[in-house]
């Protein structure tokens, strides 16, 4: 079953600022997440985030929440590894 992706404005802005190679890799990961957002090979629970998950793509992190009743994945943020875990992301 495939989930619908909803991407925040901030995440869209981040994607547009990246190089084409990274954009392709992130888009490929988003397709994988739409198919199986709880697959432990591509995502994990965020320790301090209630119901929030993350997925690693090279030096980038995709933060998202899954709404099972509506089969929707909300992409909250896409951050570089160095800034991904700072407070107030």
PDB file of N, CA and C in Angstrom:
ATOM      1  N   UNK A   1       0.830  -1.179   0.000  1.00  0.00           N
ATOM      2  CA  UNK A   1       0.000   0.000   0.000  1.00  0.00           C
ATOM      3  C   UNK A   1       0.880   1.249   0.000  1.00  0.00           C
ATOM      4  N   UNK A   2       0.549   2.189  -0.818  1.00  0.00           N
ATOM      5  CA  UNK A   2       1.338   3.401  -0.930  1.00  0.00           C
ATOM      6  C   UNK A   2       0.708   4.536  -0.123  1.00  0.00           C
ATOM      7  N   UNK A   3       1.554   5.285   0.540  1.00  0.00           N
ATOM      8  CA  UNK A   3       1.114   6.448   1.303  1.00  0.00           C
ATOM      9  C   UNK A   3       1.229   7.701   0.430  1.00  0.00           C
ATOM     10  N   UNK A   4       0.439   8.695   0.750  1.00  0.00           N
ATOM     11  CA  UNK A   4       0.517   9.988   0.076  1.00  0.00           C
ATOM     12  C   UNK A   4       1.525  10.847   0.821  1.00  0.00           C
ATOM     13  N   UNK A   5       2.380  11.549   0.080  1.00  0.00           N
ATOM     14  CA  UNK A   5       3.375  12.428   0.697  1.00  0.00           C
ATOM     15  C   UNK A   5       2.866  13.857   0.737  1.00  0.00           C
ATOM     16  N   UNK A   6       3.059  14.509   1.862  1.00  0.00           N
ATOM     17  CA  UNK A   6       2.793  15.927   2.022  1.00  0.00           C
ATOM     18  C   UNK A   6       4.108  16.544   2.469  1.00  0.00           C
ATOM     19  N   UNK A   7       4.633  17.484   1.678  1.00  0.00           N
ATOM     20  CA  UNK A   7       5.941  18.068   1.950  1.00  0.00           C
ATOM     21  C   UNK A   7       5.756  19.510   2.409  1.00  0.00           C
ATOM     22  N   UNK A   8       6.344  19.850   3.552  1.00  0.00           N
ATOM     23  CA  UNK A   8       6.226  21.208   4.088  1.00  0.00           C
ATOM     24  C   UNK A   8       6.942  22.202   3.170  1.00  0.00           C
ATOM     25  N   UNK A   9       6.559  23.446   3.270  1.00  0.00           N
ATOM     26  CA  UNK A   9       7.185  24.513   2.462  1.00  0.00           C
ATOM     27  C   UNK A   9       8.679  24.589   2.740  1.00  0.00           C
ATOM     28  N   UNK A  10       9.039  24.455   4.013  1.00  0.00           N
ATOM     29  CA  UNK A  10      10.447  24.531   4.385  1.00  0.00           C
ATOM     30  C   UNK A  10      11.238  23.391   3.744  1.00  0.00           C
ATOM     31  N   UNK A  11      10.670  22.180   3.734  1.00  0.00           N
ATOM     32  CA  UNK A  11      11.350  21.034   3.131  1.00  0.00           C
ATOM     33  C   UNK A  11      11.463  21.211   1.618  1.00  0.00           C
ATOM     34  N   UNK A  12      10.410  21.731   0.987  1.00  0.00           N
ATOM     35  CA  UNK A  12      10.468  22.007  -0.459  1.00  0.00           C
ATOM     36  C   UNK A  12      11.573  22.998  -0.785  1.00  0.00           C
ATOM     37  N   UNK A  13      11.683  24.035   0.021  1.00  0.00           N
ATOM     38  CA  UNK A  13      12.708  25.061  -0.187  1.00  0.00           C
ATOM     39  C   UNK A  13      14.112  24.455  -0.073  1.00  0.00           C
ATOM     40  N   UNK A  14      14.278  23.578   0.906  1.00  0.00           N
ATOM     41  CA  UNK A  14      15.571  22.912   1.085  1.00  0.00           C
ATOM     42  C   UNK A  14      15.900  22.047  -0.131  1.00  0.00           C
ATOM     43  N   UNK A  15      14.932  21.273  -0.603  1.00  0.00           N
ATOM     44  CA  UNK A  15      15.159  20.402  -1.764  1.00  0.00           C
ATOM     45  C   UNK A  15      15.580  21.226  -2.974  1.00  0.00           C
ATOM     46  N   UNK A  16      14.920  22.341  -3.214  1.00  0.00           N
ATOM     47  CA  UNK A  16      15.235  23.178  -4.378  1.00  0.00           C
ATOM     48  C   UNK A  16      16.642  23.764  -4.313  1.00  0.00           C
ATOM     49  N   UNK A  17      17.202  23.886  -3.114  1.00  0.00           N
ATOM     50  CA  UNK A  17      18.528  24.482  -2.964  1.00  0.00           C
ATOM     51  C   UNK A  17      19.665  23.471  -3.137  1.00  0.00           C
ATOM     52  N   UNK A  18      19.343  22.198  -3.273  1.00  0.00           N
ATOM     53  CA  UNK A  18      20.365  21.147  -3.350  1.00  0.00           C
ATOM     54  C   UNK A  18      20.830  20.901  -4.780  1.00  0.00           C
ATOM     55  N   UNK A  19      21.966  20.213  -4.903  1.00  0.00           N
ATOM     56  CA  UNK A  19      22.461  19.837  -6.229  1.00  0.00           C
ATOM     57  C   UNK A  19      21.609  18.694  -6.790  1.00  0.00           C
ATOM     58  N   UNK A  20      21.637  18.509  -8.090  1.00  0.00           N
ATOM     59  CA  UNK A  20      20.778  17.538  -8.769  1.00  0.00           C
ATOM     60  C   UNK A  20      20.986  16.103  -8.288  1.00  0.00           C
ATOM     61  N   UNK A  21      22.208  15.735  -8.001  1.00  0.00           N
ATOM     62  CA  UNK A  21      22.490  14.382  -7.535  1.00  0.00           C
ATOM     63  C   UNK A  21      21.786  14.109  -6.197  1.00  0.00           C
ATOM     64  N   UNK A  22      21.892  15.046  -5.284  1.00  0.00           N
ATOM     65  CA  UNK A  22      21.250  14.893  -3.974  1.00  0.00           C
ATOM     66  C   UNK A  22      19.733  14.925  -4.100  1.00  0.00           C
ATOM     67  N   UNK A  23      19.217  15.779  -4.967  1.00  0.00           N
ATOM     68  CA  UNK A  23      17.775  15.848  -5.200  1.00  0.00           C
ATOM     69  C   UNK A  23      17.257  14.485  -5.681  1.00  0.00           C
ATOM     70  N   UNK A  24      17.962  13.873  -6.626  1.00  0.00           N
ATOM     71  CA  UNK A  24      17.551  12.550  -7.128  1.00  0.00           C
ATOM     72  C   UNK A  24      17.546  11.510  -6.010  1.00  0.00           C
ATOM     73  N   UNK A  25      18.573  11.541  -5.170  1.00  0.00           N
ATOM     74  CA  UNK A  25      18.654  10.581  -4.071  1.00  0.00           C
ATOM     75  C   UNK A  25      17.530  10.794  -3.054  1.00  0.00           C
ATOM     76  N   UNK A  26      17.212  12.045  -2.757  1.00  0.00           N
ATOM     77  CA  UNK A  26      16.129  12.330  -1.809  1.00  0.00           C
ATOM     78  C   UNK A  26      14.790  11.918  -2.397  1.00  0.00           C
ATOM     79  N   UNK A  27      14.559  12.210  -3.685  1.00  0.00           N
ATOM     80  CA  UNK A  27      13.307  11.800  -4.331  1.00  0.00           C
ATOM     81  C   UNK A  27      13.160  10.272  -4.335  1.00  0.00           C
ATOM     82  N   UNK A  28      14.263   9.576  -4.578  1.00  0.00           N
ATOM     83  CA  UNK A  28      14.224   8.105  -4.554  1.00  0.00           C
ATOM     84  C   UNK A  28      13.857   7.611  -3.154  1.00  0.00           C
ATOM     85  N   UNK A  29      14.419   8.243  -2.113  1.00  0.00           N
ATOM     86  CA  UNK A  29      14.106   7.832  -0.746  1.00  0.00           C
ATOM     87  C   UNK A  29      12.656   8.144  -0.407  1.00  0.00           C
ATOM     88  N   UNK A  30      12.145   9.278  -0.881  1.00  0.00           N
ATOM     89  CA  UNK A  30      10.746   9.622  -0.619  1.00  0.00           C
ATOM     90  C   UNK A  30       9.816   8.590  -1.244  1.00  0.00           C
ATOM     91  N   UNK A  31      10.163   8.084  -2.424  1.00  0.00           N
ATOM     92  CA  UNK A  31       9.359   7.026  -3.059  1.00  0.00           C
ATOM     93  C   UNK A  31       9.393   5.752  -2.225  1.00  0.00           C
ATOM     94  N   UNK A  32      10.571   5.422  -1.690  1.00  0.00           N
ATOM     95  CA  UNK A  32      10.689   4.243  -0.827  1.00  0.00           C
ATOM     96  C   UNK A  32       9.844   4.413   0.439  1.00  0.00           C
ATOM     97  N   UNK A  33       9.905   5.600   1.026  1.00  0.00           N
ATOM     98  CA  UNK A  33       9.133   5.861   2.239  1.00  0.00           C
ATOM     99  C   UNK A  33       7.637   5.786   1.968  1.00  0.00           C
ATOM    100  N   UNK A  34       7.200   6.235   0.800  1.00  0.00           N
ATOM    101  CA  UNK A  34       5.778   6.170   0.459  1.00  0.00           C
ATOM    102  C   UNK A  34       5.299   4.720   0.416  1.00  0.00           C
ATOM    103  N   UNK A  35       6.160   3.810   0.032  1.00  0.00           N
ATOM    104  CA  UNK A  35       5.803   2.394  -0.037  1.00  0.00           C
ATOM    105  C   UNK A  35       5.850   1.722   1.332  1.00  0.00           C
ATOM    106  N   UNK A  36       6.865   2.076   2.138  1.00  0.00           N
ATOM    107  CA  UNK A  36       7.053   1.389   3.415  1.00  0.00           C
ATOM    108  C   UNK A  36       7.732   2.317   4.426  1.00  0.00           C
ATOM    109  N   UNK A  37       6.964   3.215   5.059  1.00  0.00           N
ATOM    110  CA  UNK A  37       7.570   4.206   5.952  1.00  0.00           C
ATOM    111  C   UNK A  37       8.150   3.640   7.247  1.00  0.00           C
ATOM    112  N   UNK A  38       7.759   2.436   7.632  1.00  0.00           N
ATOM    113  CA  UNK A  38       8.235   1.852   8.884  1.00  0.00           C
ATOM    114  C   UNK A  38       9.338   0.817   8.677  1.00  0.00           C
ATOM    115  N   UNK A  39       9.834   0.683   7.450  1.00  0.00           N
ATOM    116  CA  UNK A  39      10.909  -0.260   7.152  1.00  0.00           C
ATOM    117  C   UNK A  39      12.170   0.168   7.911  1.00  0.00           C
ATOM    118  N   UNK A  40      12.666  -0.686   8.788  1.00  0.00           N
ATOM    119  CA  UNK A  40      13.814  -0.333   9.627  1.00  0.00           C
ATOM    120  C   UNK A  40      15.102  -0.136   8.829  1.00  0.00           C
ATOM    121  N   UNK A  41      15.132  -0.570   7.582  1.00  0.00           N
ATOM    122  CA  UNK A  41      16.321  -0.357   6.757  1.00  0.00           C
ATOM    123  C   UNK A  41      16.416   1.067   6.229  1.00  0.00           C
ATOM    124  N   UNK A  42      15.280   1.780   6.176  1.00  0.00           N
ATOM    125  CA  UNK A  42      15.305   3.129   5.602  1.00  0.00           C
ATOM    126  C   UNK A  42      14.813   4.216   6.560  1.00  0.00           C
ATOM    127  N   UNK A  43      14.291   3.843   7.722  1.00  0.00           N
ATOM    128  CA  UNK A  43      13.852   4.866   8.669  1.00  0.00           C
ATOM    129  C   UNK A  43      13.927   4.342  10.090  1.00  0.00           C
ATOM    130  N   UNK A  44      13.939   5.287  11.029  1.00  0.00           N
ATOM    131  CA  UNK A  44      13.944   4.920  12.449  1.00  0.00           C
ATOM    132  C   UNK A  44      13.219   5.987  13.248  1.00  0.00           C
ATOM    133  N   UNK A  45      12.843   5.617  14.455  1.00  0.00           N
ATOM    134  CA  UNK A  45      12.142   6.522  15.347  1.00  0.00           C
ATOM    135  C   UNK A  45      13.109   7.595  15.845  1.00  0.00           C
ATOM    136  N   UNK A  46      12.659   8.843  15.938  1.00  0.00           N
ATOM    137  CA  UNK A  46      13.467   9.909  16.533  1.00  0.00           C
ATOM    138  C   UNK A  46      13.334   9.773  18.046  1.00  0.00           C
ATOM    139  N   UNK A  47      14.453   9.733  18.747  1.00  0.00           N
ATOM    140  CA  UNK A  47      14.425   9.477  20.182  1.00  0.00           C
ATOM    141  C   UNK A  47      13.621  10.508  20.963  1.00  0.00           C
ATOM    142  N   UNK A  48      13.768  11.777  20.648  1.00  0.00           N
ATOM    143  CA  UNK A  48      13.098  12.823  21.421  1.00  0.00           C
ATOM    144  C   UNK A  48      11.826  13.327  20.744  1.00  0.00           C
ATOM    145  N   UNK A  49      11.451  12.755  19.627  1.00  0.00           N
ATOM    146  CA  UNK A  49      10.271  13.219  18.905  1.00  0.00           C
ATOM    147  C   UNK A  49       9.108  12.257  19.043  1.00  0.00           C
ATOM    148  N   UNK A  50       8.017  12.701  19.574  1.00  0.00           N
ATOM    149  CA  UNK A  50       6.828  11.867  19.755  1.00  0.00           C
ATOM    150  C   UNK A  50       6.227  11.524  18.399  1.00  0.00           C
ATOM    151  N   UNK A  51       6.327  10.262  17.983  1.00  0.00           N
ATOM    152  CA  UNK A  51       5.749   9.820  16.721  1.00  0.00           C
ATOM    153  C   UNK A  51       6.511  10.261  15.490  1.00  0.00           C
ATOM    154  N   UNK A  52       7.652  10.885  15.668  1.00  0.00           N
ATOM    155  CA  UNK A  52       8.432  11.389  14.547  1.00  0.00           C
ATOM    156  C   UNK A  52       9.469  10.348  14.128  1.00  0.00           C
ATOM    157  N   UNK A  53       9.715  10.268  12.832  1.00  0.00           N
ATOM    158  CA  UNK A  53      10.693   9.330  12.298  1.00  0.00           C
ATOM    159  C   UNK A  53      11.710  10.096  11.465  1.00  0.00           C
ATOM    160  N   UNK A  54      12.821   9.431  11.155  1.00  0.00           N
ATOM    161  CA  UNK A  54      13.860  10.048  10.322  1.00  0.00           C
ATOM    162  C   UNK A  54      14.381   9.025   9.334  1.00  0.00           C
ATOM    163  N   UNK A  55      14.916   9.543   8.248  1.00  0.00           N
ATOM    164  CA  UNK A  55      15.541   8.696   7.244  1.00  0.00           C
ATOM    165  C   UNK A  55      16.824   9.381   6.809  1.00  0.00           C
ATOM    166  N   UNK A  56      17.875   8.607   6.643  1.00  0.00           N
ATOM    167  CA  UNK A  56      19.185   9.152   6.302  1.00  0.00           C
ATOM    168  C   UNK A  56      19.426   9.000   4.806  1.00  0.00           C
ATOM    169  N   UNK A  57      19.861  10.100   4.188  1.00  0.00           N
ATOM    170  CA  UNK A  57      20.263  10.088   2.780  1.00  0.00           C
ATOM    171  C   UNK A  57      21.613  10.793   2.725  1.00  0.00           C
ATOM    172  N   UNK A  58      22.691  10.027   2.791  1.00  0.00           N
ATOM    173  CA  UNK A  58      24.026  10.619   2.832  1.00  0.00           C
ATOM    174  C   UNK A  58      24.173  11.494   4.064  1.00  0.00           C
ATOM    175  N   UNK A  59      24.538  12.759   3.859  1.00  0.00           N
ATOM    176  CA  UNK A  59      24.696  13.705   4.967  1.00  0.00           C
ATOM    177  C   UNK A  59      23.410  14.446   5.280  1.00  0.00           C
ATOM    178  N   UNK A  60      22.303  14.033   4.700  1.00  0.00           N
ATOM    179  CA  UNK A  60      21.012  14.693   4.907  1.00  0.00           C
ATOM    180  C   UNK A  60      20.080  13.795   5.697  1.00  0.00           C
ATOM    181  N   UNK A  61      19.175  14.418   6.463  1.00  0.00           N
ATOM    182  CA  UNK A  61      18.177  13.692   7.236  1.00  0.00           C
ATOM    183  C   UNK A  61      16.794  14.185   6.845  1.00  0.00           C
ATOM    184  N   UNK A  62      15.895  13.248   6.616  1.00  0.00           N
ATOM    185  CA  UNK A  62      14.495  13.555   6.305  1.00  0.00           C
ATOM    186  C   UNK A  62      13.691  13.243   7.563  1.00  0.00           C
ATOM    187  N   UNK A  63      13.005  14.237   8.106  1.00  0.00           N
ATOM    188  CA  UNK A  63      12.175  14.051   9.293  1.00  0.00           C
ATOM    189  C   UNK A  63      10.720  14.027   8.860  1.00  0.00           C
ATOM    190  N   UNK A  64       9.980  13.033   9.355  1.00  0.00           N
ATOM    191  CA  UNK A  64       8.591  12.888   8.921  1.00  0.00           C
ATOM    192  C   UNK A  64       7.731  12.242   9.991  1.00  0.00           C
ATOM    193  N   UNK A  65       6.421  12.396   9.820  1.00  0.00           N
ATOM    194  CA  UNK A  65       5.435  11.742  10.665  1.00  0.00           C
ATOM    195  C   UNK A  65       4.490  10.968   9.759  1.00  0.00           C
ATOM    196  N   UNK A  66       4.013   9.833  10.232  1.00  0.00           N
ATOM    197  CA  UNK A  66       3.101   8.998   9.454  1.00  0.00           C
ATOM    198  C   UNK A  66       1.722   9.044  10.111  1.00  0.00           C
ATOM    199  N   UNK A  67       0.717   9.342   9.317  1.00  0.00           N
ATOM    200  CA  UNK A  67      -0.671   9.326   9.779  1.00  0.00           C
ATOM    201  C   UNK A  67      -1.318   8.104   9.135  1.00  0.00           C
ATOM    202  N   UNK A  68      -1.384   7.010   9.880  1.00  0.00           N
ATOM    203  CA  UNK A  68      -1.899   5.749   9.338  1.00  0.00           C
ATOM    204  C   UNK A  68      -3.370   5.809   8.914  1.00  0.00           C
ATOM    205  N   UNK A  69      -4.256   6.437   9.701  1.00  0.00           N
ATOM    206  CA  UNK A  69      -5.669   6.434   9.286  1.00  0.00           C
ATOM    207  C   UNK A  69      -5.911   7.060   7.910  1.00  0.00           C
ATOM    208  N   UNK A  70      -5.113   8.069   7.563  1.00  0.00           N
ATOM    209  CA  UNK A  70      -5.293   8.721   6.260  1.00  0.00           C
ATOM    210  C   UNK A  70      -4.235   8.285   5.247  1.00  0.00           C
ATOM    211  N   UNK A  71      -3.344   7.392   5.634  1.00  0.00           N
ATOM    212  CA  UNK A  71      -2.240   6.923   4.779  1.00  0.00           C
ATOM    213  C   UNK A  71      -1.443   8.090   4.207  1.00  0.00           C
ATOM    214  N   UNK A  72      -1.073   9.016   5.100  1.00  0.00           N
ATOM    215  CA  UNK A  72      -0.328  10.201   4.703  1.00  0.00           C
ATOM    216  C   UNK A  72       0.992  10.269   5.448  1.00  0.00           C
ATOM    217  N   UNK A  73       2.029  10.688   4.738  1.00  0.00           N
ATOM    218  CA  UNK A  73       3.329  10.935   5.357  1.00  0.00           C
ATOM    219  C   UNK A  73       3.586  12.431   5.253  1.00  0.00           C
ATOM    220  N   UNK A  74       3.818  13.082   6.395  1.00  0.00           N
ATOM    221  CA  UNK A  74       4.102  14.509   6.439  1.00  0.00           C
ATOM    222  C   UNK A  74       5.612  14.685   6.559  1.00  0.00           C
ATOM    223  N   UNK A  75       6.232  15.202   5.499  1.00  0.00           N
ATOM    224  CA  UNK A  75       7.659  15.497   5.529  1.00  0.00           C
ATOM    225  C   UNK A  75       7.805  16.828   6.249  1.00  0.00           C
ATOM    226  N   UNK A  76       8.373  16.792   7.442  1.00  0.00           N
ATOM    227  CA  UNK A  76       8.476  17.971   8.282  1.00  0.00           C
ATOM    228  C   UNK A  76       9.676  18.825   7.891  1.00  0.00           C
ATOM    229  N   UNK A  77      10.822  18.178   7.736  1.00  0.00           N
ATOM    230  CA  UNK A  77      12.050  18.921   7.457  1.00  0.00           C
ATOM    231  C   UNK A  77      13.072  18.026   6.779  1.00  0.00           C
ATOM    232  N   UNK A  78      13.945  18.662   6.025  1.00  0.00           N
ATOM    233  CA  UNK A  78      15.110  17.994   5.440  1.00  0.00           C
ATOM    234  C   UNK A  78      16.295  18.854   5.847  1.00  0.00           C
ATOM    235  N   UNK A  79      17.174  18.270   6.641  1.00  0.00           N
ATOM    236  CA  UNK A  79      18.282  19.025   7.223  1.00  0.00           C
ATOM    237  C   UNK A  79      19.619  18.327   7.003  1.00  0.00           C
ATOM    238  N   UNK A  80      20.713  19.108   6.921  1.00  0.00           N
ATOM    239  CA  UNK A  80      22.037  18.481   6.892  1.00  0.00           C
ATOM    240  C   UNK A  80      22.318  17.844   8.248  1.00  0.00           C
ATOM    241  N   UNK A  81      23.094  16.809   8.249  1.00  0.00           N
ATOM    242  CA  UNK A  81      23.366  16.049   9.470  1.00  0.00           C
ATOM    243  C   UNK A  81      23.823  16.935  10.623  1.00  0.00           C
ATOM    244  N   UNK A  82      24.681  17.890  10.357  1.00  0.00           N
ATOM    245  CA  UNK A  82      25.223  18.750  11.411  1.00  0.00           C
ATOM    246  C   UNK A  82      24.187  19.605  12.107  1.00  0.00           C
ATOM    247  N   UNK A  83      23.124  19.964  11.416  1.00  0.00           N
ATOM    248  CA  UNK A  83      22.089  20.821  11.997  1.00  0.00           C
ATOM    249  C   UNK A  83      20.814  20.050  12.327  1.00  0.00           C
ATOM    250  N   UNK A  84      20.759  18.804  11.962  1.00  0.00           N
ATOM    251  CA  UNK A  84      19.519  18.026  12.065  1.00  0.00           C
ATOM    252  C   UNK A  84      19.051  17.840  13.499  1.00  0.00           C
ATOM    253  N   UNK A  85      19.954  17.713  14.429  1.00  0.00           N
ATOM    254  CA  UNK A  85      19.558  17.359  15.787  1.00  0.00           C
ATOM    255  C   UNK A  85      19.657  18.516  16.766  1.00  0.00           C
ATOM    256  N   UNK A  86      19.871  19.726  16.257  1.00  0.00           N
ATOM    257  CA  UNK A  86      19.912  20.899  17.122  1.00  0.00           C
ATOM    258  C   UNK A  86      18.519  21.270  17.565  1.00  0.00           C
ATOM    259  N   UNK A  87      18.409  21.862  18.722  1.00  0.00           N
ATOM    260  CA  UNK A  87      17.105  22.312  19.218  1.00  0.00           C
ATOM    261  C   UNK A  87      16.530  23.358  18.302  1.00  0.00           C
ATOM    262  N   UNK A  88      15.206  23.348  18.168  1.00  0.00           N
ATOM    263  CA  UNK A  88      14.526  24.367  17.379  1.00  0.00           C
ATOM    264  C   UNK A  88      14.641  24.179  15.889  1.00  0.00           C
ATOM    265  N   UNK A  89      14.832  22.944  15.455  1.00  0.00           N
ATOM    266  CA  UNK A  89      14.981  22.710  14.024  1.00  0.00           C
ATOM    267  C   UNK A  89      13.695  23.071  13.356  1.00  0.00           C
TER     268      UNK A  89
END
